[in-house]
Amino acid sequence: MDLEKEDERWMREALKEAKKAFEKEEVPIGAVIVCDGLAIARAYNYTEHLNDVTAHAEMQAITSAANNLGGKYLTECTLYVTIEPCVMCAGALFWAQIGRIVFGAADPKRGFSMAGSHLLHPKTKVSKGILEEECSQLVKTFFEGKRN
C-alpha cells in the first residue's frame, strides 16, 4: 500500500475518534498513533469530562502509546490527528521524539506552525492536508451547533 493510501486509512481511524469526542460534546479532534503498521494508541479530546486543559487527543495518545511500548520515545511511530497540533501538544511530541506527524486540517489560530516548526523534534517529519475537508467540517459543524 502506498503512503498516501496508508495515511488516508489511518486518518479515517482518527476521524472515528473525533466523532466519539463529538458525541460526548468535546471538541471533535481524534488521534491514532501507528507503529509497525499497527494502531498502538487511539484517543480523542477529553478536556471537558476530565476538567483538564491538557487532555487533548494528542496528549492522551502519547501517554497510551508510551505505555503500550513500555518507553517514552516514539521515534518509530506516526501520529495521525484530525487537526494540526497546538503548541502544547507539539512540545510533548518533541519530547516523545515522534517520528512523523500527519494532520488533516490546519489550525491557523492555535496550530504549532504559527510559532514555527522548530517546536518539533528536528527528525520529525510532517504531512498535512490528509482528508482535510472531512476533518475541518467536523469541527465547523461542532462549533456551529454550539452557537445556535
C-alpha atoms as a PDB file:
ATOM      1  CA  MET A   1       0.000   0.000   0.000  1.00  0.00           C
ATOM      2  CA  ASP A   2       1.415   3.391  -0.895  1.00  0.00           C
ATOM      3  CA  LEU A   3       1.973   6.076   1.719  1.00  0.00           C
ATOM      4  CA  GLU A   4      -0.934   8.280   0.617  1.00  0.00           C
ATOM      5  CA  LYS A   5      -3.444   5.419   0.917  1.00  0.00           C
ATOM      6  CA  GLU A   6      -1.936   4.405   4.245  1.00  0.00           C
ATOM      7  CA  ASP A   7      -2.247   7.988   5.515  1.00  0.00           C
ATOM      8  CA  GLU A   8      -5.890   8.137   4.441  1.00  0.00           C
ATOM      9  CA  ARG A   9      -6.618   4.807   6.094  1.00  0.00           C
ATOM     10  CA  TRP A  10      -5.260   5.906   9.452  1.00  0.00           C
ATOM     11  CA  MET A  11      -6.743   9.399   9.208  1.00  0.00           C
ATOM     12  CA  ARG A  12     -10.148   7.736   8.827  1.00  0.00           C
ATOM     13  CA  GLU A  13      -9.416   5.972  12.102  1.00  0.00           C
ATOM     14  CA  ALA A  14      -8.531   9.306  13.713  1.00  0.00           C
ATOM     15  CA  LEU A  15     -11.828  10.696  12.381  1.00  0.00           C
ATOM     16  CA  LYS A  16     -13.666   7.863  14.133  1.00  0.00           C
ATOM     17  CA  GLU A  17     -12.062   9.006  17.371  1.00  0.00           C
ATOM     18  CA  ALA A  18     -13.020  12.622  16.652  1.00  0.00           C
ATOM     19  CA  LYS A  19     -16.633  11.541  16.154  1.00  0.00           C
ATOM     20  CA  LYS A  20     -16.573   9.907  19.601  1.00  0.00           C
ATOM     21  CA  ALA A  21     -15.492  13.267  21.032  1.00  0.00           C
ATOM     22  CA  PHE A  22     -18.292  14.990  19.112  1.00  0.00           C
ATOM     23  CA  GLU A  23     -20.848  12.602  20.636  1.00  0.00           C
ATOM     24  CA  LYS A  24     -19.533  13.426  24.113  1.00  0.00           C
ATOM     25  CA  GLU A  25     -19.734  17.172  23.411  1.00  0.00           C
ATOM     26  CA  GLU A  26     -15.949  17.512  23.351  1.00  0.00           C
ATOM     27  CA  VAL A  27     -14.165  19.473  20.620  1.00  0.00           C
ATOM     28  CA  PRO A  28     -14.027  16.743  17.950  1.00  0.00           C
ATOM     29  CA  ILE A  29     -10.359  16.036  17.492  1.00  0.00           C
ATOM     30  CA  GLY A  30      -9.147  12.467  17.212  1.00  0.00           C
ATOM     31  CA  ALA A  31      -5.726  10.878  17.170  1.00  0.00           C
ATOM     32  CA  VAL A  32      -4.212   7.496  16.377  1.00  0.00           C
ATOM     33  CA  ILE A  33      -0.579   6.507  16.838  1.00  0.00           C
ATOM     34  CA  VAL A  34       0.700   3.811  14.495  1.00  0.00           C
ATOM     35  CA  CYS A  35       3.873   1.779  14.880  1.00  0.00           C
ATOM     36  CA  ASP A  36       4.949  -1.013  12.530  1.00  0.00           C
ATOM     37  CA  GLY A  37       1.586  -0.893  10.757  1.00  0.00           C
ATOM     38  CA  LEU A  38      -0.466  -1.308  13.942  1.00  0.00           C
ATOM     39  CA  ALA A  39      -2.507   1.225  15.901  1.00  0.00           C
ATOM     40  CA  ILE A  40      -0.922   1.283  19.341  1.00  0.00           C
ATOM     41  CA  ALA A  41      -2.974   4.210  20.686  1.00  0.00           C
ATOM     42  CA  ARG A  42      -6.334   5.811  19.953  1.00  0.00           C
ATOM     43  CA  ALA A  43      -7.646   8.913  21.655  1.00  0.00           C
ATOM     44  CA  TYR A  44      -9.851  11.965  21.404  1.00  0.00           C
ATOM     45  CA  ASN A  45     -10.192  15.263  23.238  1.00  0.00           C
ATOM     46  CA  TYR A  46     -11.391  14.717  26.772  1.00  0.00           C
ATOM     47  CA  THR A  47     -10.838  18.144  28.303  1.00  0.00           C
ATOM     48  CA  GLU A  48     -14.438  18.814  29.333  1.00  0.00           C
ATOM     49  CA  HIS A  49     -15.049  15.467  31.025  1.00  0.00           C
ATOM     50  CA  LEU A  50     -11.722  15.480  32.863  1.00  0.00           C
ATOM     51  CA  ASN A  51     -11.865  19.239  33.514  1.00  0.00           C
ATOM     52  CA  ASP A  52      -8.259  19.265  32.315  1.00  0.00           C
ATOM     53  CA  VAL A  53      -6.990  21.688  29.683  1.00  0.00           C
ATOM     54  CA  THR A  54      -4.129  19.300  28.852  1.00  0.00           C
ATOM     55  CA  ALA A  55      -6.395  16.361  27.935  1.00  0.00           C
ATOM     56  CA  HIS A  56      -6.040  16.918  24.185  1.00  0.00           C
ATOM     57  CA  ALA A  57      -6.310  13.931  21.860  1.00  0.00           C
ATOM     58  CA  GLU A  58      -2.591  14.036  21.128  1.00  0.00           C
ATOM     59  CA  MET A  59      -1.627  14.085  24.812  1.00  0.00           C
ATOM     60  CA  GLN A  60      -3.917  11.152  25.560  1.00  0.00           C
ATOM     61  CA  ALA A  61      -2.498   9.235  22.593  1.00  0.00           C
ATOM     62  CA  ILE A  62       1.138   9.922  23.551  1.00  0.00           C
ATOM     63  CA  THR A  63       0.567   8.551  27.052  1.00  0.00           C
ATOM     64  CA  SER A  64      -1.246   5.489  25.746  1.00  0.00           C
ATOM     65  CA  ALA A  65       1.406   4.765  23.106  1.00  0.00           C
ATOM     66  CA  ALA A  66       4.274   5.144  25.579  1.00  0.00           C
ATOM     67  CA  ASN A  67       2.526   2.773  27.979  1.00  0.00           C
ATOM     68  CA  ASN A  68       1.891   0.321  25.155  1.00  0.00           C
ATOM     69  CA  LEU A  69       5.532   0.366  24.044  1.00  0.00           C
ATOM     70  CA  GLY A  70       6.966   0.485  27.557  1.00  0.00           C
ATOM     71  CA  GLY A  71       9.058   3.565  26.819  1.00  0.00           C
ATOM     72  CA  LYS A  72       8.685   7.299  26.392  1.00  0.00           C
ATOM     73  CA  TYR A  73      10.204   7.681  22.931  1.00  0.00           C
ATOM     74  CA  LEU A  74       8.019   7.270  19.855  1.00  0.00           C
ATOM     75  CA  THR A  75      10.728   7.609  17.211  1.00  0.00           C
ATOM     76  CA  GLU A  76       9.365   4.785  15.050  1.00  0.00           C
ATOM     77  CA  CYS A  77       5.747   5.940  15.326  1.00  0.00           C
ATOM     78  CA  THR A  78       3.392   8.121  13.309  1.00  0.00           C
ATOM     79  CA  LEU A  79       0.716  10.293  14.891  1.00  0.00           C
ATOM     80  CA  TYR A  80      -2.432  10.781  12.823  1.00  0.00           C
ATOM     81  CA  VAL A  81      -4.508  13.666  14.138  1.00  0.00           C
ATOM     82  CA  THR A  82      -7.512  15.352  12.568  1.00  0.00           C
ATOM     83  CA  ILE A  83      -6.448  18.931  13.360  1.00  0.00           C
ATOM     84  CA  GLU A  84      -2.962  20.439  13.492  1.00  0.00           C
ATOM     85  CA  PRO A  85      -1.498  20.031  16.994  1.00  0.00           C
ATOM     86  CA  CYS A  86      -1.309  23.073  19.240  1.00  0.00           C
ATOM     87  CA  VAL A  87       1.913  24.409  20.718  1.00  0.00           C
ATOM     88  CA  MET A  88       1.452  22.382  23.935  1.00  0.00           C
ATOM     89  CA  CYS A  89       0.987  19.141  22.015  1.00  0.00           C
ATOM     90  CA  ALA A  90       3.893  19.969  19.699  1.00  0.00           C
ATOM     91  CA  GLY A  91       6.101  20.341  22.774  1.00  0.00           C
ATOM     92  CA  ALA A  92       5.025  16.930  24.069  1.00  0.00           C
ATOM     93  CA  LEU A  93       5.590  15.431  20.614  1.00  0.00           C
ATOM     94  CA  PHE A  94       9.076  16.978  20.644  1.00  0.00           C
ATOM     95  CA  TRP A  95       9.909  15.269  23.947  1.00  0.00           C
ATOM     96  CA  ALA A  96       8.436  11.967  22.720  1.00  0.00           C
ATOM     97  CA  GLN A  97      10.599  12.343  19.584  1.00  0.00           C
ATOM     98  CA  ILE A  98       7.672  11.224  17.406  1.00  0.00           C
ATOM     99  CA  GLY A  99       8.911  10.062  14.019  1.00  0.00           C
ATOM    100  CA  ARG A 100       6.125  11.536  11.946  1.00  0.00           C
ATOM    101  CA  ILE A 101       3.023  13.682  12.337  1.00  0.00           C
ATOM    102  CA  VAL A 102       0.174  13.541   9.836  1.00  0.00           C
ATOM    103  CA  PHE A 103      -2.656  16.004  10.345  1.00  0.00           C
ATOM    104  CA  GLY A 104      -5.865  16.666   8.478  1.00  0.00           C
ATOM    105  CA  ALA A 105      -6.783  20.335   8.749  1.00  0.00           C
ATOM    106  CA  ALA A 106      -4.561  23.254   9.675  1.00  0.00           C
ATOM    107  CA  ASP A 107      -5.381  25.352  12.731  1.00  0.00           C
ATOM    108  CA  PRO A 108      -4.268  28.878  11.799  1.00  0.00           C
ATOM    109  CA  LYS A 109      -5.270  30.286  15.216  1.00  0.00           C
ATOM    110  CA  ARG A 110      -3.751  27.722  17.569  1.00  0.00           C
ATOM    111  CA  GLY A 111      -1.668  25.305  15.497  1.00  0.00           C
ATOM    112  CA  PHE A 112       2.029  24.815  16.211  1.00  0.00           C
ATOM    113  CA  SER A 113       3.060  26.109  12.782  1.00  0.00           C
ATOM    114  CA  MET A 114       2.028  29.643  13.776  1.00  0.00           C
ATOM    115  CA  ALA A 115       5.010  29.560  16.136  1.00  0.00           C
ATOM    116  CA  GLY A 116       7.273  27.627  13.777  1.00  0.00           C
ATOM    117  CA  SER A 117       8.255  24.062  13.059  1.00  0.00           C
ATOM    118  CA  HIS A 118      11.216  24.395  15.445  1.00  0.00           C
ATOM    119  CA  LEU A 119       8.775  23.286  18.161  1.00  0.00           C
ATOM    120  CA  LEU A 120       9.046  19.741  16.825  1.00  0.00           C
ATOM    121  CA  HIS A 121      11.996  17.402  17.135  1.00  0.00           C
ATOM    122  CA  PRO A 122      14.422  18.011  14.232  1.00  0.00           C
ATOM    123  CA  LYS A 123      13.938  14.456  12.931  1.00  0.00           C
ATOM    124  CA  THR A 124      10.122  14.594  12.975  1.00  0.00           C
ATOM    125  CA  LYS A 125       8.544  14.587   9.519  1.00  0.00           C
ATOM    126  CA  VAL A 126       5.210  16.341   8.951  1.00  0.00           C
ATOM    127  CA  SER A 127       2.497  15.709   6.369  1.00  0.00           C
ATOM    128  CA  LYS A 128      -0.663  17.781   6.240  1.00  0.00           C
ATOM    129  CA  GLY A 129      -3.950  18.067   4.429  1.00  0.00           C
ATOM    130  CA  ILE A 130      -4.922  14.379   4.609  1.00  0.00           C
ATOM    131  CA  LEU A 131      -8.748  14.235   4.427  1.00  0.00           C
ATOM    132  CA  GLU A 132      -8.600  17.942   5.197  1.00  0.00           C
ATOM    133  CA  GLU A 133     -12.208  18.740   4.277  1.00  0.00           C
ATOM    134  CA  GLU A 134     -13.691  15.970   6.408  1.00  0.00           C
ATOM    135  CA  CYS A 135     -11.508  16.874   9.381  1.00  0.00           C
ATOM    136  CA  SER A 136     -12.291  20.572   9.094  1.00  0.00           C
ATOM    137  CA  GLN A 137     -16.025  20.071   8.549  1.00  0.00           C
ATOM    138  CA  LEU A 138     -16.461  18.044  11.721  1.00  0.00           C
ATOM    139  CA  VAL A 139     -15.028  20.872  13.836  1.00  0.00           C
ATOM    140  CA  LYS A 140     -17.070  23.502  11.961  1.00  0.00           C
ATOM    141  CA  THR A 141     -20.264  21.521  12.498  1.00  0.00           C
ATOM    142  CA  PHE A 142     -19.475  21.155  16.196  1.00  0.00           C
ATOM    143  CA  PHE A 143     -18.983  24.877  16.746  1.00  0.00           C
ATOM    144  CA  GLU A 144     -21.988  25.826  14.595  1.00  0.00           C
ATOM    145  CA  GLY A 145     -24.087  23.660  16.922  1.00  0.00           C
ATOM    146  CA  LYS A 146     -22.645  25.451  19.953  1.00  0.00           C
ATOM    147  CA  ARG A 147     -23.549  28.883  18.549  1.00  0.00           C
ATOM    148  CA  ASN A 148     -27.218  28.013  17.956  1.00  0.00           C
END
